[in-house]
Amino acid sequence: MLKRLENWVSKQGYILIKNNKVNDSVDSQNKIVYLNTRSKIEKQIFSLLHECGHIMTRKNKKKFYKEFAVLADLEEKETLRKPLHFYVLEVEDEIRAWRYGIKLAKKLNIPLNIKKYNNYSDIYIMSYMIHSVDIRRGNLL
């Protein structure tokens, strides 16, 4: 199943870097997906589905920019204070990527324990929310 996702990533023109020292993430500009290998395979699949979800949501750049302009404009900028809407869009983008991961699993015929996937994604979605609130409150500045 992981191999199917790796092939999909490659077909999208992205390079997949897997090791135990990276954080799961996507670098859309350089077309690199990072996958941490410390987790069990099932959680690696969940995380990779999520990162693929980001690839899917950003594939149509015009559409992404139209829906997430504030996020698109500011996510790479190191500014002290971003508008509240940035953080709301950041959380929405993360939620959307998790949901697109489910769609991709179905498309690639990857069996997915939805309950486990949702439990896993809920933990991360909550962490994005807490992180956004902490930053907005200035707790991390």
Protein backbone atom coordinates (compact mmCIF):
# COMPACT_ATOMS: atom_id res chain seq x y z
CA MET A 1 0.00 0.00 0.00
CA LEU A 2 2.83 2.35 0.80
CA LYS A 3 4.34 1.54 -2.59
CA ARG A 4 1.11 2.63 -4.34
CA LEU A 5 1.33 5.98 -2.60
CA GLU A 6 5.02 6.31 -3.43
CA ASN A 7 4.21 5.69 -7.10
CA TRP A 8 1.39 8.25 -6.98
CA VAL A 9 3.74 10.85 -5.46
CA SER A 10 6.25 10.17 -8.22
CA LYS A 11 3.58 10.48 -10.94
CA GLN A 12 2.72 13.92 -9.55
CA GLY A 13 6.33 14.98 -10.18
CA TYR A 14 7.35 14.95 -6.52
CA ILE A 15 10.33 13.29 -4.87
CA LEU A 16 9.67 11.30 -1.70
CA ILE A 17 12.32 11.48 1.01
CA LYS A 18 11.87 8.90 3.75
CA ASN A 19 13.95 8.77 6.90
CA ASN A 20 13.56 8.91 10.66
CA LYS A 21 14.84 12.48 11.05
CA VAL A 22 12.33 14.46 8.99
CA ASN A 23 8.89 15.79 9.84
CA ASP A 24 6.06 14.66 7.62
CA SER A 25 5.53 17.55 5.23
CA VAL A 26 5.32 18.74 1.64
CA ASP A 27 7.55 21.33 0.03
CA SER A 28 5.32 22.35 -2.89
CA GLN A 29 7.84 24.78 -4.33
CA ASN A 30 10.58 22.16 -4.67
CA LYS A 31 8.16 19.25 -5.15
CA ILE A 32 9.44 17.19 -2.23
CA VAL A 33 7.42 15.07 0.19
CA TYR A 34 9.05 14.17 3.49
CA LEU A 35 7.94 11.06 5.39
CA ASN A 36 9.19 10.10 8.81
CA THR A 37 9.87 6.37 9.05
CA ARG A 38 9.87 6.08 12.86
CA SER A 39 6.15 5.30 12.93
CA LYS A 40 4.56 1.97 12.15
CA ILE A 41 3.63 1.39 8.51
CA GLU A 42 -0.08 2.07 9.06
CA LYS A 43 0.67 5.52 10.50
CA GLN A 44 3.16 6.21 7.71
CA ILE A 45 0.37 5.45 5.24
CA PHE A 46 -2.00 7.79 7.11
CA SER A 47 0.61 10.56 7.13
CA LEU A 48 1.54 10.06 3.49
CA LEU A 49 -2.14 10.14 2.49
CA HIS A 50 -2.40 13.47 4.30
CA GLU A 51 0.67 14.90 2.57
CA CYS A 52 -0.70 13.67 -0.76
CA GLY A 53 -3.89 15.51 0.17
CA HIS A 54 -1.85 18.72 0.22
CA ILE A 55 -0.52 17.92 -3.24
CA MET A 56 -4.09 17.41 -4.44
CA THR A 57 -5.43 20.63 -2.92
CA ARG A 58 -2.63 22.69 -4.42
CA LYS A 59 -2.52 21.06 -7.82
CA ASN A 60 -4.77 23.75 -9.28
CA LYS A 61 -2.84 26.81 -8.11
CA LYS A 62 -5.43 29.32 -9.31
CA LYS A 63 -8.24 27.55 -7.44
CA PHE A 64 -6.12 27.19 -4.30
CA TYR A 65 -5.16 30.86 -4.41
CA LYS A 66 -8.77 31.91 -4.95
CA GLU A 67 -9.94 29.94 -1.90
CA PHE A 68 -6.88 30.45 0.32
CA ALA A 69 -5.35 33.75 -0.82
CA VAL A 70 -4.33 34.95 2.64
CA LEU A 71 -2.73 31.59 3.43
CA ALA A 72 -1.00 31.38 0.04
CA ASP A 73 0.39 34.91 0.39
CA LEU A 74 1.66 34.59 3.94
CA GLU A 75 2.54 30.97 4.69
CA GLU A 76 6.17 31.31 3.61
CA LYS A 77 6.64 34.77 5.13
CA GLU A 78 8.21 35.15 8.54
CA THR A 79 6.13 37.95 10.01
CA LEU A 80 5.52 38.58 13.67
CA ARG A 81 1.76 38.76 13.45
CA LYS A 82 -0.44 37.31 10.75
CA PRO A 83 -4.16 38.10 10.49
CA LEU A 84 -6.59 35.82 12.29
CA HIS A 85 -7.97 34.64 8.95
CA PHE A 86 -4.54 33.18 8.08
CA TYR A 87 -4.75 30.78 11.02
CA VAL A 88 -8.33 29.81 10.25
CA LEU A 89 -7.35 29.02 6.66
CA GLU A 90 -4.27 27.13 7.83
CA VAL A 91 -6.44 24.81 9.94
CA GLU A 92 -8.98 24.48 7.13
CA ASP A 93 -6.19 23.55 4.70
CA GLU A 94 -4.95 20.85 7.08
CA ILE A 95 -8.45 19.42 7.55
CA ARG A 96 -9.00 19.41 3.81
CA ALA A 97 -5.71 17.56 3.20
CA TRP A 98 -6.76 14.84 5.67
CA ARG A 99 -10.11 14.47 3.89
CA TYR A 100 -8.47 14.36 0.45
CA GLY A 101 -6.28 11.57 1.80
CA ILE A 102 -9.41 9.43 2.21
CA LYS A 103 -10.44 10.17 -1.38
CA LEU A 104 -7.00 9.19 -2.63
CA ALA A 105 -7.05 5.93 -0.68
CA LYS A 106 -10.34 5.04 -2.38
CA LYS A 107 -8.99 6.04 -5.80
CA LEU A 108 -5.85 3.92 -5.36
CA ASN A 109 -7.82 1.06 -3.84
CA ILE A 110 -5.90 1.25 -0.58
CA PRO A 111 -7.84 -0.38 2.25
CA LEU A 112 -8.24 2.15 5.02
CA ASN A 113 -9.51 1.73 8.55
CA ILE A 114 -11.49 4.96 8.56
CA LYS A 115 -11.98 4.97 12.31
CA LYS A 116 -8.23 4.70 12.96
CA TYR A 117 -7.46 7.20 10.21
CA ASN A 118 -9.93 9.71 11.63
CA ASN A 119 -8.64 9.21 15.17
CA TYR A 120 -5.10 9.80 13.92
CA SER A 121 -6.10 12.84 11.88
CA ASP A 122 -8.16 14.29 14.74
CA ILE A 123 -5.07 14.35 16.96
CA TYR A 124 -3.16 16.32 14.35
CA ILE A 125 -6.06 18.61 13.51
CA MET A 126 -6.39 19.51 17.18
CA SER A 127 -2.65 20.13 17.39
CA TYR A 128 -2.88 22.52 14.41
CA MET A 129 -5.72 24.33 16.16
CA ILE A 130 -3.85 24.60 19.47
CA HIS A 131 -0.68 25.72 17.69
CA SER A 132 -2.60 28.39 15.77
CA VAL A 133 -4.26 29.71 18.93
CA ASP A 134 -0.93 29.77 20.79
CA ILE A 135 0.76 31.68 17.98
CA ARG A 136 -2.15 34.08 17.68
CA ARG A 137 -2.07 34.74 21.42
CA GLY A 138 1.63 35.36 21.21
CA ASN A 139 2.59 32.40 23.37
CA LEU A 140 5.16 31.22 20.85
CA LEU A 141 6.64 34.57 19.84
